[in-house]
C-alpha atoms as a PDB file:
ATOM      1  CA  MET A   1      -6.203 -11.266  -2.713  1.00  0.00           C
ATOM      2  CA  ILE A   2      -6.720 -14.846  -1.523  1.00  0.00           C
ATOM      3  CA  GLU A   3      -4.518 -16.117   1.290  1.00  0.00           C
ATOM      4  CA  VAL A   4      -4.055 -19.892   1.032  1.00  0.00           C
ATOM      5  CA  GLU A   5      -2.888 -20.929   4.482  1.00  0.00           C
ATOM      6  CA  ILE A   6      -2.343 -24.041   6.546  1.00  0.00           C
ATOM      7  CA  LYS A   7      -1.409 -24.112  10.220  1.00  0.00           C
ATOM      8  CA  LEU A   8      -0.292 -26.781  12.629  1.00  0.00           C
ATOM      9  CA  PRO A   9       1.043 -26.964  16.167  1.00  0.00           C
ATOM     10  CA  VAL A  10       4.754 -27.696  16.503  1.00  0.00           C
ATOM     11  CA  PHE A  11       6.325 -29.329  19.489  1.00  0.00           C
ATOM     12  CA  LYS A  12      10.004 -28.986  18.606  1.00  0.00           C
ATOM     13  CA  ARG A  13      10.391 -25.466  17.281  1.00  0.00           C
ATOM     14  CA  SER A  14      14.158 -25.660  16.665  1.00  0.00           C
ATOM     15  CA  MET A  15      13.746 -28.899  14.696  1.00  0.00           C
ATOM     16  CA  THR A  16      10.951 -27.332  12.600  1.00  0.00           C
ATOM     17  CA  GLU A  17      13.141 -24.336  11.794  1.00  0.00           C
ATOM     18  CA  ARG A  18      16.032 -26.627  10.877  1.00  0.00           C
ATOM     19  CA  GLU A  19      13.760 -28.577   8.504  1.00  0.00           C
ATOM     20  CA  LEU A  20      12.553 -25.379   6.836  1.00  0.00           C
ATOM     21  CA  LYS A  21      16.155 -24.357   6.158  1.00  0.00           C
ATOM     22  CA  ARG A  22      16.958 -27.862   4.891  1.00  0.00           C
ATOM     23  CA  ILE A  23      14.302 -27.608   2.170  1.00  0.00           C
ATOM     24  CA  GLY A  24      15.415 -24.152   1.056  1.00  0.00           C
ATOM     25  CA  PHE A  25      13.511 -21.657   3.176  1.00  0.00           C
ATOM     26  CA  GLU A  26      15.570 -18.579   4.039  1.00  0.00           C
ATOM     27  CA  PRO A  27      15.069 -16.861   7.398  1.00  0.00           C
ATOM     28  CA  GLY A  28      13.356 -13.491   7.200  1.00  0.00           C
ATOM     29  CA  ASP A  29      12.414 -10.957   9.816  1.00  0.00           C
ATOM     30  CA  LEU A  30      11.488 -11.599  13.438  1.00  0.00           C
ATOM     31  CA  ILE A  31       8.259  -9.754  14.205  1.00  0.00           C
ATOM     32  CA  ARG A  32       6.209  -9.235  17.354  1.00  0.00           C
ATOM     33  CA  GLU A  33       2.523  -8.996  16.413  1.00  0.00           C
ATOM     34  CA  SER A  34      -0.350  -7.816  18.546  1.00  0.00           C
ATOM     35  CA  ASP A  35      -3.757  -8.422  16.991  1.00  0.00           C
ATOM     36  CA  LEU A  36      -6.911  -6.841  18.349  1.00  0.00           C
ATOM     37  CA  TYR A  37     -10.058  -8.464  16.920  1.00  0.00           C
ATOM     38  CA  TYR A  38     -13.462  -6.806  16.722  1.00  0.00           C
ATOM     39  CA  THR A  39     -17.070  -7.884  16.730  1.00  0.00           C
ATOM     40  CA  SER A  40     -20.445  -6.187  17.145  1.00  0.00           C
ATOM     41  CA  SER A  41     -24.059  -6.892  17.933  1.00  0.00           C
ATOM     42  CA  PHE A  42     -24.930  -6.228  14.285  1.00  0.00           C
ATOM     43  CA  HIS A  43     -22.083  -8.284  12.747  1.00  0.00           C
ATOM     44  CA  ASP A  44     -20.740 -11.217  14.743  1.00  0.00           C
ATOM     45  CA  PHE A  45     -17.520 -12.056  12.908  1.00  0.00           C
ATOM     46  CA  MET A  46     -16.997 -15.277  14.886  1.00  0.00           C
ATOM     47  CA  LYS A  47     -20.452 -16.491  13.895  1.00  0.00           C
ATOM     48  CA  THR A  48     -19.948 -15.647  10.209  1.00  0.00           C
ATOM     49  CA  ASP A  49     -16.390 -17.109  10.184  1.00  0.00           C
ATOM     50  CA  GLU A  50     -14.906 -13.744   9.234  1.00  0.00           C
ATOM     51  CA  ALA A  51     -12.435 -11.508  11.041  1.00  0.00           C
ATOM     52  CA  LEU A  52     -11.831  -7.803  11.507  1.00  0.00           C
ATOM     53  CA  ARG A  53      -8.652  -6.810  13.298  1.00  0.00           C
ATOM     54  CA  ILE A  54      -6.046  -4.173  13.890  1.00  0.00           C
ATOM     55  CA  ARG A  55      -2.546  -5.631  13.837  1.00  0.00           C
ATOM     56  CA  THR A  56       0.442  -3.784  15.202  1.00  0.00           C
ATOM     57  CA  ALA A  57       3.651  -5.396  13.985  1.00  0.00           C
ATOM     58  CA  THR A  58       6.983  -4.547  15.549  1.00  0.00           C
ATOM     59  CA  ASN A  59       9.772  -5.702  13.263  1.00  0.00           C
ATOM     60  CA  LEU A  60      12.532  -6.615  15.706  1.00  0.00           C
ATOM     61  CA  THR A  61      15.005  -7.183  12.862  1.00  0.00           C
ATOM     62  CA  LYS A  62      14.572  -3.745  11.287  1.00  0.00           C
ATOM     63  CA  GLN A  63      13.408  -1.872  14.404  1.00  0.00           C
ATOM     64  CA  THR A  64      10.223  -0.571  12.748  1.00  0.00           C
ATOM     65  CA  GLU A  65       6.551  -0.638  13.683  1.00  0.00           C
ATOM     66  CA  THR A  66       3.511  -0.669  11.394  1.00  0.00           C
ATOM     67  CA  SER A  67      -0.204  -1.190  11.914  1.00  0.00           C
ATOM     68  CA  PHE A  68      -2.863  -2.581   9.606  1.00  0.00           C
ATOM     69  CA  LEU A  69      -6.626  -2.889   9.515  1.00  0.00           C
ATOM     70  CA  THR A  70      -7.465  -6.321   8.113  1.00  0.00           C
ATOM     71  CA  TYR A  71     -10.699  -7.955   7.003  1.00  0.00           C
ATOM     72  CA  LYS A  72     -10.664 -11.725   6.471  1.00  0.00           C
ATOM     73  CA  GLY A  73     -13.593 -13.293   4.663  1.00  0.00           C
ATOM     74  CA  LYS A  74     -15.180 -16.674   5.219  1.00  0.00           C
ATOM     75  CA  LYS A  75     -12.986 -19.719   4.665  1.00  0.00           C
ATOM     76  CA  LEU A  76     -13.163 -20.992   1.096  1.00  0.00           C
ATOM     77  CA  ASP A  77     -12.866 -24.643   2.084  1.00  0.00           C
ATOM     78  CA  GLN A  78     -13.184 -26.827   5.168  1.00  0.00           C
ATOM     79  CA  ILE A  79      -9.612 -28.152   5.220  1.00  0.00           C
ATOM     80  CA  SER A  80      -7.458 -25.014   5.326  1.00  0.00           C
ATOM     81  CA  MET A  81      -7.396 -21.390   6.433  1.00  0.00           C
ATOM     82  CA  THR A  82      -7.870 -20.141   2.848  1.00  0.00           C
ATOM     83  CA  ARG A  83      -9.839 -16.915   2.641  1.00  0.00           C
ATOM     84  CA  LYS A  84     -10.124 -13.518   1.037  1.00  0.00           C
ATOM     85  CA  GLU A  85      -7.943 -10.988   2.830  1.00  0.00           C
ATOM     86  CA  LEU A  86      -8.104  -7.210   2.520  1.00  0.00           C
ATOM     87  CA  GLU A  87      -5.569  -5.138   4.395  1.00  0.00           C
ATOM     88  CA  ILE A  88      -4.639  -1.476   4.609  1.00  0.00           C
ATOM     89  CA  GLN A  89      -1.919   0.220   6.600  1.00  0.00           C
ATOM     90  CA  VAL A  90      -3.139   2.654   9.264  1.00  0.00           C
ATOM     91  CA  SER A  91      -0.908   5.369  10.646  1.00  0.00           C
ATOM     92  CA  ASP A  92      -2.572   5.489  14.075  1.00  0.00           C
ATOM     93  CA  PRO A  93      -4.023   2.224  15.437  1.00  0.00           C
ATOM     94  CA  ASP A  94      -5.525   4.002  18.474  1.00  0.00           C
ATOM     95  CA  ILE A  95      -7.572   6.347  16.264  1.00  0.00           C
ATOM     96  CA  MET A  96      -8.586   3.401  14.053  1.00  0.00           C
ATOM     97  CA  SER A  97      -9.754   1.570  17.172  1.00  0.00           C
ATOM     98  CA  GLU A  98     -11.699   4.649  18.273  1.00  0.00           C
ATOM     99  CA  ILE A  99     -13.378   4.847  14.842  1.00  0.00           C
ATOM    100  CA  LEU A 100     -14.436   1.191  15.116  1.00  0.00           C
ATOM    101  CA  HIS A 101     -15.730   1.729  18.669  1.00  0.00           C
ATOM    102  CA  SER A 102     -17.669   4.804  17.482  1.00  0.00           C
ATOM    103  CA  LEU A 103     -19.278   2.633  14.787  1.00  0.00           C
ATOM    104  CA  GLY A 104     -20.438   0.110  17.394  1.00  0.00           C
ATOM    105  CA  TYR A 105     -17.651  -2.472  17.278  1.00  0.00           C
ATOM    106  CA  GLN A 106     -16.234  -3.926  20.472  1.00  0.00           C
ATOM    107  CA  HIS A 107     -12.785  -5.418  20.696  1.00  0.00           C
ATOM    108  CA  LEU A 108     -12.089  -8.871  21.952  1.00  0.00           C
ATOM    109  CA  PHE A 109      -8.907  -9.697  23.822  1.00  0.00           C
ATOM    110  CA  PRO A 110      -5.601  -9.449  21.970  1.00  0.00           C
ATOM    111  CA  VAL A 111      -3.679 -12.217  20.279  1.00  0.00           C
ATOM    112  CA  ASN A 112       0.045 -11.699  20.843  1.00  0.00           C
ATOM    113  CA  LYS A 113       2.775 -13.649  19.126  1.00  0.00           C
ATOM    114  CA  LEU A 114       6.420 -13.649  18.196  1.00  0.00           C
ATOM    115  CA  ARG A 115       6.720 -14.635  14.527  1.00  0.00           C
ATOM    116  CA  GLN A 116       9.850 -15.761  12.682  1.00  0.00           C
ATOM    117  CA  HIS A 117       9.357 -15.461   8.928  1.00  0.00           C
ATOM    118  CA  TYR A 118      10.921 -17.823   6.358  1.00  0.00           C
ATOM    119  CA  HIS A 119      10.663 -17.449   2.578  1.00  0.00           C
ATOM    120  CA  ARG A 120      11.021 -19.675  -0.465  1.00  0.00           C
ATOM    121  CA  ASP A 121       9.799 -18.539  -3.862  1.00  0.00           C
ATOM    122  CA  GLN A 122       6.219 -17.250  -3.382  1.00  0.00           C
ATOM    123  CA  ILE A 123       5.719 -19.194  -0.137  1.00  0.00           C
ATOM    124  CA  THR A 124       5.978 -17.722   3.342  1.00  0.00           C
ATOM    125  CA  ALA A 125       6.456 -19.920   6.385  1.00  0.00           C
ATOM    126  CA  CYS A 126       6.000 -18.477   9.860  1.00  0.00           C
ATOM    127  CA  VAL A 127       7.057 -20.134  13.078  1.00  0.00           C
ATOM    128  CA  ASP A 128       4.892 -18.534  15.755  1.00  0.00           C
ATOM    129  CA  GLN A 129       5.169 -18.479  19.511  1.00  0.00           C
ATOM    130  CA  VAL A 130       1.624 -17.522  20.520  1.00  0.00           C
ATOM    131  CA  GLU A 131       1.130 -16.187  24.028  1.00  0.00           C
ATOM    132  CA  LYS A 132      -0.903 -18.678  26.122  1.00  0.00           C
ATOM    133  CA  LEU A 133      -1.061 -21.235  23.252  1.00  0.00           C
ATOM    134  CA  GLY A 134       2.441 -22.403  22.299  1.00  0.00           C
ATOM    135  CA  SER A 135       4.262 -22.828  18.986  1.00  0.00           C
ATOM    136  CA  PHE A 136       2.721 -23.148  15.531  1.00  0.00           C
ATOM    137  CA  LEU A 137       3.884 -23.344  11.940  1.00  0.00           C
ATOM    138  CA  GLU A 138       1.963 -21.543   9.209  1.00  0.00           C
ATOM    139  CA  PHE A 139       2.518 -21.769   5.468  1.00  0.00           C
ATOM    140  CA  GLU A 140       0.884 -19.320   3.105  1.00  0.00           C
ATOM    141  CA  ILE A 141       0.706 -18.510  -0.575  1.00  0.00           C
ATOM    142  CA  LEU A 142      -1.118 -15.462  -1.905  1.00  0.00           C
ATOM    143  CA  VAL A 143      -3.122 -15.957  -5.107  1.00  0.00           C
ATOM    144  CA  ASN A 144      -5.195 -13.473  -7.095  1.00  0.00           C
ATOM    145  CA  ASP A 145      -7.863 -15.854  -8.334  1.00  0.00           C
ATOM    146  CA  PRO A 146      -9.949 -18.070  -6.003  1.00  0.00           C
ATOM    147  CA  GLU A 147      -9.696 -20.824  -8.632  1.00  0.00           C
ATOM    148  CA  ASP A 148      -5.929 -21.022  -7.992  1.00  0.00           C
ATOM    149  CA  HIS A 149      -6.368 -21.906  -4.334  1.00  0.00           C
ATOM    150  CA  ASN A 150      -6.527 -25.693  -4.868  1.00  0.00           C
ATOM    151  CA  ALA A 151      -3.192 -25.788  -6.716  1.00  0.00           C
ATOM    152  CA  ALA A 152      -1.607 -23.620  -4.027  1.00  0.00           C
ATOM    153  CA  LEU A 153      -3.016 -25.872  -1.305  1.00  0.00           C
ATOM    154  CA  GLU A 154      -1.559 -28.952  -3.018  1.00  0.00           C
ATOM    155  CA  GLU A 155       1.833 -27.242  -3.124  1.00  0.00           C
ATOM    156  CA  LEU A 156       1.620 -26.531   0.625  1.00  0.00           C
ATOM    157  CA  LYS A 157       0.691 -30.157   1.311  1.00  0.00           C
ATOM    158  CA  LYS A 158       3.843 -31.305  -0.553  1.00  0.00           C
ATOM    159  CA  ILE A 159       6.011 -28.950   1.493  1.00  0.00           C
ATOM    160  CA  LEU A 160       4.418 -30.159   4.699  1.00  0.00           C
ATOM    161  CA  LYS A 161       5.184 -33.757   3.753  1.00  0.00           C
ATOM    162  CA  SER A 162       8.789 -32.860   2.842  1.00  0.00           C
ATOM    163  CA  ILE A 163       9.427 -31.712   6.425  1.00  0.00           C
ATOM    164  CA  GLY A 164       7.948 -34.895   7.863  1.00  0.00           C
ATOM    165  CA  GLU A 165       4.544 -33.516   8.814  1.00  0.00           C
ATOM    166  CA  ASP A 166       1.138 -34.829   7.835  1.00  0.00           C
ATOM    167  CA  PHE A 167      -1.758 -32.699   6.593  1.00  0.00           C
ATOM    168  CA  SER A 168      -3.986 -34.386   9.183  1.00  0.00           C
ATOM    169  CA  SER A 169      -2.017 -32.469  11.856  1.00  0.00           C
ATOM    170  CA  THR A 170      -3.202 -29.100  10.534  1.00  0.00           C
ATOM    171  CA  THR A 171      -5.946 -27.049  12.123  1.00  0.00           C
ATOM    172  CA  THR A 172      -8.539 -24.712  10.650  1.00  0.00           C
ATOM    173  CA  ARG A 173      -8.982 -22.881  13.947  1.00  0.00           C
ATOM    174  CA  SER A 174      -7.730 -19.342  14.387  1.00  0.00           C
ATOM    175  CA  TYR A 175      -5.537 -18.326  17.294  1.00  0.00           C
ATOM    176  CA  LEU A 176      -8.423 -16.159  18.516  1.00  0.00           C
ATOM    177  CA  SER A 177     -10.866 -19.093  18.620  1.00  0.00           C
ATOM    178  CA  MET A 178      -8.277 -21.249  20.414  1.00  0.00           C
ATOM    179  CA  LEU A 179      -7.722 -18.523  23.010  1.00  0.00           C
ATOM    180  CA  MET A 180     -11.466 -17.976  23.460  1.00  0.00           C
ATOM    181  CA  GLN A 181     -12.007 -21.714  23.997  1.00  0.00           C
ATOM    182  CA  LYS A 182      -9.155 -21.805  26.497  1.00  0.00           C
ATOM    183  CA  LYS A 183     -10.599 -18.810  28.351  1.00  0.00           C
ATOM    184  CA  ASN A 184     -14.067 -20.407  28.524  1.00  0.00           C
ATOM    185  CA  SER A 185     -12.868 -23.819  29.750  1.00  0.00           C
END
């Protein structure tokens, strides 16, 4: 599966959410996510522009909790967050973490966020409040074929423009890299 994604900081969260509703996005679930990223001396995911994480998602709307092990491949272009994504649900994130530690992986610090989902057709919009970083808007479309990513990206650019945002405001940096830069400055 290829996740075609764009992300940008938002400064007026309530206005962003109002604009999403105006163009037909329906509110979905409110989810608290805690992501624990991993690296190792034999595979530096930051250096290779990949990611390995355990995500624990607490659905505050439905009062459920699930965890996933996720691998994200290298970005497929230089202008978006588009990449291969493989994900599997894990029943016990602590045991999964122990397995990774036993294999020589070390965890980095967590990325915690409160995420409000919005949906329209095959597009998901997420308005995130990221601990220690602020608010962000993400749009994503999942495609099966890497060749479909350009058409999906163009569709996301049109949506961005329809809510009064410019593609030049987007970032290709992950929340983890933003937090690591903030920690090191």
